Amino acid sequence: MPHNHDELLKHVSADMPSDELLQDLGDLFKVFGDTTRIKIMYALYEDEMCVCAIADLLKMTQSAISHQLKVLKAANLVASRREGKTIFYRLADEHVKSIIAQGYEHITE
């Protein structure tokens, strides 16, 4: 006799986010799919930094770092502040720190 999963499907579908929200979530995780962006976020996990410091740390050009920061900023993962002519970047909020920390904890278990 086949089992009936109607109640399960009703429960799951009631809690399922909209396709638009799931698309946004997928797009967010795509941003995490680039090693350079992960390195930048991991550096910013420790402290705010300017583009030139990140470039020195990762041994990359400032242009390459700026491009990745633009992607991260568009995804609301990093924020910035200006001090004179220098722009300092930091992780946008505690949620981003939590995602990085939980991801790292998961892969190192």
N, C-alpha and C. Protein backbone atom coordinates (compact mmCIF):
# COMPACT_ATOMS: atom_id res chain seq x y z
N MET A 1 0.84 -1.19 0.00
CA MET A 1 0.00 0.00 0.00
C MET A 1 0.89 1.25 0.00
N PRO A 2 0.70 2.14 -0.97
CA PRO A 2 1.53 3.36 -1.01
C PRO A 2 1.21 4.28 0.15
N HIS A 3 2.24 4.95 0.61
CA HIS A 3 2.02 5.88 1.72
C HIS A 3 1.43 7.19 1.20
N ASN A 4 0.72 7.89 2.06
CA ASN A 4 0.09 9.14 1.69
C ASN A 4 0.93 10.29 2.24
N HIS A 5 1.42 11.12 1.37
CA HIS A 5 2.24 12.24 1.82
C HIS A 5 1.55 13.58 1.60
N ASP A 6 0.23 13.56 1.48
CA ASP A 6 -0.52 14.80 1.26
C ASP A 6 -0.31 15.81 2.39
N GLU A 7 -0.35 15.35 3.63
CA GLU A 7 -0.17 16.26 4.77
C GLU A 7 1.23 16.86 4.79
N LEU A 8 2.21 16.03 4.48
CA LEU A 8 3.59 16.51 4.42
C LEU A 8 3.72 17.60 3.35
N LEU A 9 3.19 17.36 2.18
CA LEU A 9 3.27 18.33 1.09
C LEU A 9 2.53 19.62 1.44
N LYS A 10 1.40 19.50 2.10
CA LYS A 10 0.64 20.67 2.52
C LYS A 10 1.46 21.50 3.51
N HIS A 11 2.08 20.82 4.46
CA HIS A 11 2.90 21.49 5.48
C HIS A 11 4.10 22.19 4.83
N VAL A 12 4.81 21.47 3.98
CA VAL A 12 6.02 22.03 3.35
C VAL A 12 5.66 23.18 2.41
N SER A 13 4.63 23.00 1.61
CA SER A 13 4.27 24.05 0.65
C SER A 13 3.77 25.30 1.36
N ALA A 14 3.18 25.16 2.52
CA ALA A 14 2.71 26.32 3.27
C ALA A 14 3.88 27.17 3.76
N ASP A 15 5.01 26.55 4.02
CA ASP A 15 6.19 27.27 4.51
C ASP A 15 7.19 27.63 3.41
N MET A 16 6.92 27.21 2.19
CA MET A 16 7.85 27.45 1.07
C MET A 16 7.82 28.92 0.67
N PRO A 17 8.99 29.57 0.64
CA PRO A 17 9.04 30.97 0.19
C PRO A 17 8.65 31.07 -1.29
N SER A 18 8.38 32.28 -1.72
CA SER A 18 8.03 32.51 -3.13
C SER A 18 9.22 32.19 -4.03
N ASP A 19 8.93 31.94 -5.30
CA ASP A 19 9.99 31.68 -6.27
C ASP A 19 10.96 32.86 -6.34
N GLU A 20 10.45 34.08 -6.22
CA GLU A 20 11.31 35.26 -6.27
C GLU A 20 12.30 35.27 -5.11
N LEU A 21 11.82 34.96 -3.91
CA LEU A 21 12.72 34.93 -2.75
C LEU A 21 13.73 33.80 -2.88
N LEU A 22 13.32 32.67 -3.39
CA LEU A 22 14.25 31.55 -3.57
C LEU A 22 15.29 31.87 -4.64
N GLN A 23 14.89 32.61 -5.68
CA GLN A 23 15.85 33.07 -6.70
C GLN A 23 16.87 34.01 -6.07
N ASP A 24 16.38 34.93 -5.23
CA ASP A 24 17.29 35.86 -4.54
C ASP A 24 18.26 35.11 -3.63
N LEU A 25 17.78 34.08 -2.95
CA LEU A 25 18.64 33.27 -2.09
C LEU A 25 19.70 32.55 -2.91
N GLY A 26 19.28 31.99 -4.04
CA GLY A 26 20.24 31.34 -4.93
C GLY A 26 21.29 32.31 -5.44
N ASP A 27 20.86 33.53 -5.77
CA ASP A 27 21.81 34.55 -6.24
C ASP A 27 22.79 34.93 -5.14
N LEU A 28 22.30 35.01 -3.90
CA LEU A 28 23.17 35.33 -2.77
C LEU A 28 24.26 34.26 -2.63
N PHE A 29 23.86 33.00 -2.71
CA PHE A 29 24.85 31.94 -2.56
C PHE A 29 25.83 31.89 -3.74
N LYS A 30 25.42 32.35 -4.90
CA LYS A 30 26.35 32.44 -6.03
C LYS A 30 27.49 33.40 -5.71
N VAL A 31 27.16 34.49 -5.01
CA VAL A 31 28.19 35.46 -4.63
C VAL A 31 29.23 34.78 -3.74
N PHE A 32 28.79 33.87 -2.88
CA PHE A 32 29.71 33.14 -2.01
C PHE A 32 30.51 32.09 -2.77
N GLY A 33 30.18 31.86 -4.04
CA GLY A 33 30.82 30.82 -4.82
C GLY A 33 32.15 31.20 -5.44
N ASP A 34 32.65 32.38 -5.14
CA ASP A 34 33.91 32.84 -5.71
C ASP A 34 34.96 32.93 -4.60
N THR A 35 36.08 32.25 -4.80
CA THR A 35 37.13 32.19 -3.77
C THR A 35 37.68 33.58 -3.43
N THR A 36 37.85 34.43 -4.41
CA THR A 36 38.37 35.78 -4.13
C THR A 36 37.41 36.54 -3.23
N ARG A 37 36.12 36.46 -3.53
CA ARG A 37 35.14 37.16 -2.69
C ARG A 37 35.13 36.58 -1.28
N ILE A 38 35.27 35.27 -1.16
CA ILE A 38 35.33 34.65 0.17
C ILE A 38 36.56 35.16 0.92
N LYS A 39 37.69 35.25 0.24
CA LYS A 39 38.91 35.76 0.88
C LYS A 39 38.71 37.19 1.37
N ILE A 40 38.07 38.01 0.54
CA ILE A 40 37.82 39.40 0.92
C ILE A 40 36.91 39.44 2.15
N MET A 41 35.83 38.67 2.12
CA MET A 41 34.91 38.67 3.26
C MET A 41 35.58 38.13 4.51
N TYR A 42 36.43 37.13 4.35
CA TYR A 42 37.13 36.59 5.51
C TYR A 42 38.07 37.63 6.10
N ALA A 43 38.74 38.40 5.24
CA ALA A 43 39.61 39.48 5.73
C ALA A 43 38.78 40.54 6.46
N LEU A 44 37.63 40.88 5.89
CA LEU A 44 36.77 41.89 6.50
C LEU A 44 36.06 41.37 7.74
N TYR A 45 36.04 40.07 7.89
CA TYR A 45 35.49 39.47 9.11
C TYR A 45 36.32 39.93 10.31
N GLU A 46 37.62 40.11 10.08
CA GLU A 46 38.54 40.51 11.15
C GLU A 46 38.49 41.99 11.44
N ASP A 47 38.42 42.81 10.39
CA ASP A 47 38.45 44.26 10.60
C ASP A 47 38.12 44.95 9.29
N GLU A 48 37.74 46.23 9.37
CA GLU A 48 37.51 46.98 8.14
C GLU A 48 38.85 47.28 7.48
N MET A 49 38.83 47.37 6.15
CA MET A 49 40.06 47.58 5.40
C MET A 49 39.78 48.43 4.17
N CYS A 50 40.81 49.11 3.70
CA CYS A 50 40.70 49.85 2.44
C CYS A 50 41.09 48.91 1.29
N VAL A 51 40.79 49.31 0.08
CA VAL A 51 41.08 48.48 -1.09
C VAL A 51 42.56 48.14 -1.18
N CYS A 52 43.42 49.12 -0.92
CA CYS A 52 44.86 48.86 -1.07
C CYS A 52 45.35 47.84 -0.05
N ALA A 53 44.81 47.85 1.15
CA ALA A 53 45.22 46.86 2.15
C ALA A 53 44.74 45.46 1.76
N ILE A 54 43.52 45.38 1.25
CA ILE A 54 43.01 44.07 0.81
C ILE A 54 43.84 43.56 -0.36
N ALA A 55 44.16 44.45 -1.29
CA ALA A 55 44.97 44.07 -2.45
C ALA A 55 46.34 43.56 -2.01
N ASP A 56 46.96 44.25 -1.05
CA ASP A 56 48.26 43.80 -0.53
C ASP A 56 48.13 42.44 0.15
N LEU A 57 47.11 42.27 0.96
CA LEU A 57 46.90 41.02 1.68
C LEU A 57 46.73 39.85 0.72
N LEU A 58 45.92 40.05 -0.32
CA LEU A 58 45.61 38.95 -1.24
C LEU A 58 46.55 38.89 -2.44
N LYS A 59 47.49 39.84 -2.49
CA LYS A 59 48.46 39.90 -3.58
C LYS A 59 47.74 39.97 -4.94
N MET A 60 46.82 40.93 -5.01
CA MET A 60 46.04 41.16 -6.22
C MET A 60 46.05 42.65 -6.52
N THR A 61 45.58 43.02 -7.70
CA THR A 61 45.52 44.44 -8.05
C THR A 61 44.33 45.10 -7.36
N GLN A 62 44.48 46.41 -7.15
CA GLN A 62 43.38 47.15 -6.54
C GLN A 62 42.14 47.11 -7.44
N SER A 63 42.37 47.09 -8.75
CA SER A 63 41.25 47.03 -9.69
C SER A 63 40.45 45.74 -9.53
N ALA A 64 41.17 44.63 -9.39
CA ALA A 64 40.49 43.33 -9.20
C ALA A 64 39.71 43.31 -7.89
N ILE A 65 40.30 43.86 -6.84
CA ILE A 65 39.62 43.91 -5.54
C ILE A 65 38.40 44.82 -5.62
N SER A 66 38.55 45.97 -6.25
CA SER A 66 37.43 46.90 -6.39
C SER A 66 36.26 46.26 -7.12
N HIS A 67 36.57 45.50 -8.16
CA HIS A 67 35.51 44.82 -8.91
C HIS A 67 34.75 43.85 -8.00
N GLN A 68 35.48 43.07 -7.21
CA GLN A 68 34.82 42.10 -6.33
C GLN A 68 34.06 42.81 -5.21
N LEU A 69 34.59 43.90 -4.71
CA LEU A 69 33.88 44.67 -3.68
C LEU A 69 32.57 45.23 -4.22
N LYS A 70 32.56 45.61 -5.49
CA LYS A 70 31.33 46.10 -6.11
C LYS A 70 30.26 45.01 -6.12
N VAL A 71 30.66 43.78 -6.43
CA VAL A 71 29.74 42.65 -6.42
C VAL A 71 29.23 42.40 -5.00
N LEU A 72 30.15 42.42 -4.04
CA LEU A 72 29.77 42.19 -2.65
C LEU A 72 28.85 43.28 -2.12
N LYS A 73 29.12 44.51 -2.51
CA LYS A 73 28.29 45.62 -2.07
C LYS A 73 26.89 45.53 -2.69
N ALA A 74 26.82 45.16 -3.96
CA ALA A 74 25.53 45.01 -4.64
C ALA A 74 24.68 43.93 -3.97
N ALA A 75 25.33 42.92 -3.40
CA ALA A 75 24.63 41.84 -2.70
C ALA A 75 24.38 42.19 -1.23
N ASN A 76 24.70 43.41 -0.84
CA ASN A 76 24.53 43.87 0.55
C ASN A 76 25.33 43.04 1.55
N LEU A 77 26.48 42.56 1.13
CA LEU A 77 27.34 41.77 2.02
C LEU A 77 28.43 42.62 2.64
N VAL A 78 28.81 43.70 1.98
CA VAL A 78 29.78 44.64 2.55
C VAL A 78 29.20 46.05 2.53
N ALA A 79 29.69 46.86 3.44
CA ALA A 79 29.32 48.27 3.52
C ALA A 79 30.62 49.06 3.51
N SER A 80 30.51 50.36 3.32
CA SER A 80 31.72 51.18 3.26
C SER A 80 31.48 52.52 3.96
N ARG A 81 32.61 53.14 4.27
CA ARG A 81 32.59 54.50 4.80
C ARG A 81 33.80 55.23 4.23
N ARG A 82 33.64 56.51 4.04
CA ARG A 82 34.72 57.34 3.48
C ARG A 82 35.40 58.11 4.60
N GLU A 83 36.72 58.11 4.54
CA GLU A 83 37.53 58.92 5.46
C GLU A 83 38.52 59.69 4.58
N GLY A 84 38.20 60.96 4.30
CA GLY A 84 39.02 61.71 3.35
C GLY A 84 38.86 61.11 1.96
N LYS A 85 39.98 60.74 1.36
CA LYS A 85 39.93 60.13 0.03
C LYS A 85 39.88 58.61 0.08
N THR A 86 39.98 58.05 1.27
CA THR A 86 40.04 56.60 1.43
C THR A 86 38.67 56.04 1.79
N ILE A 87 38.31 54.94 1.15
CA ILE A 87 37.07 54.24 1.47
C ILE A 87 37.42 52.97 2.21
N PHE A 88 36.81 52.78 3.36
CA PHE A 88 37.03 51.59 4.16
C PHE A 88 35.81 50.67 4.03
N TYR A 89 36.08 49.39 3.86
CA TYR A 89 35.02 48.40 3.70
C TYR A 89 34.96 47.52 4.94
N ARG A 90 33.76 47.03 5.21
CA ARG A 90 33.52 46.13 6.34
C ARG A 90 32.37 45.21 5.95
N LEU A 91 32.21 44.12 6.68
CA LEU A 91 31.05 43.28 6.46
C LEU A 91 29.81 44.08 6.82
N ALA A 92 28.75 43.87 6.08
CA ALA A 92 27.55 44.71 6.20
C ALA A 92 26.89 44.61 7.57
N ASP A 93 26.85 43.41 8.15
CA ASP A 93 26.18 43.25 9.43
C ASP A 93 26.55 41.90 10.06
N GLU A 94 25.96 41.64 11.21
CA GLU A 94 26.26 40.40 11.94
C GLU A 94 25.76 39.16 11.19
N HIS A 95 24.73 39.32 10.35
CA HIS A 95 24.24 38.18 9.58
C HIS A 95 25.34 37.64 8.67
N VAL A 96 26.07 38.53 8.04
CA VAL A 96 27.14 38.12 7.13
C VAL A 96 28.24 37.41 7.92
N LYS A 97 28.59 37.96 9.08
CA LYS A 97 29.59 37.30 9.93
C LYS A 97 29.12 35.90 10.32
N SER A 98 27.85 35.78 10.63
CA SER A 98 27.29 34.49 11.02
C SER A 98 27.35 33.49 9.88
N ILE A 99 27.03 33.91 8.67
CA ILE A 99 27.09 33.02 7.50
C ILE A 99 28.51 32.50 7.31
N ILE A 100 29.47 33.41 7.39
CA ILE A 100 30.88 33.01 7.21
C ILE A 100 31.30 32.07 8.32
N ALA A 101 30.99 32.41 9.56
CA ALA A 101 31.38 31.58 10.70
C ALA A 101 30.74 30.19 10.63
N GLN A 102 29.47 30.13 10.30
CA GLN A 102 28.78 28.84 10.22
C GLN A 102 29.30 28.01 9.06
N GLY A 103 29.56 28.66 7.92
CA GLY A 103 30.13 27.93 6.79
C GLY A 103 31.49 27.36 7.12
N TYR A 104 32.32 28.16 7.77
CA TYR A 104 33.66 27.69 8.16
C TYR A 104 33.55 26.55 9.16
N GLU A 105 32.67 26.69 10.13
CA GLU A 105 32.47 25.63 11.12
C GLU A 105 32.00 24.34 10.46
N HIS A 106 31.12 24.46 9.48
CA HIS A 106 30.60 23.29 8.78
C HIS A 106 31.71 22.53 8.05
N ILE A 107 32.57 23.27 7.34
CA ILE A 107 33.59 22.58 6.55
C ILE A 107 34.75 22.06 7.39
N THR A 108 34.91 22.58 8.63
CA THR A 108 36.01 22.12 9.47
C THR A 108 35.59 21.10 10.52
N GLU A 109 34.34 20.67 10.49
CA GLU A 109 33.89 19.65 11.46
C GLU A 109 34.55 18.33 11.18
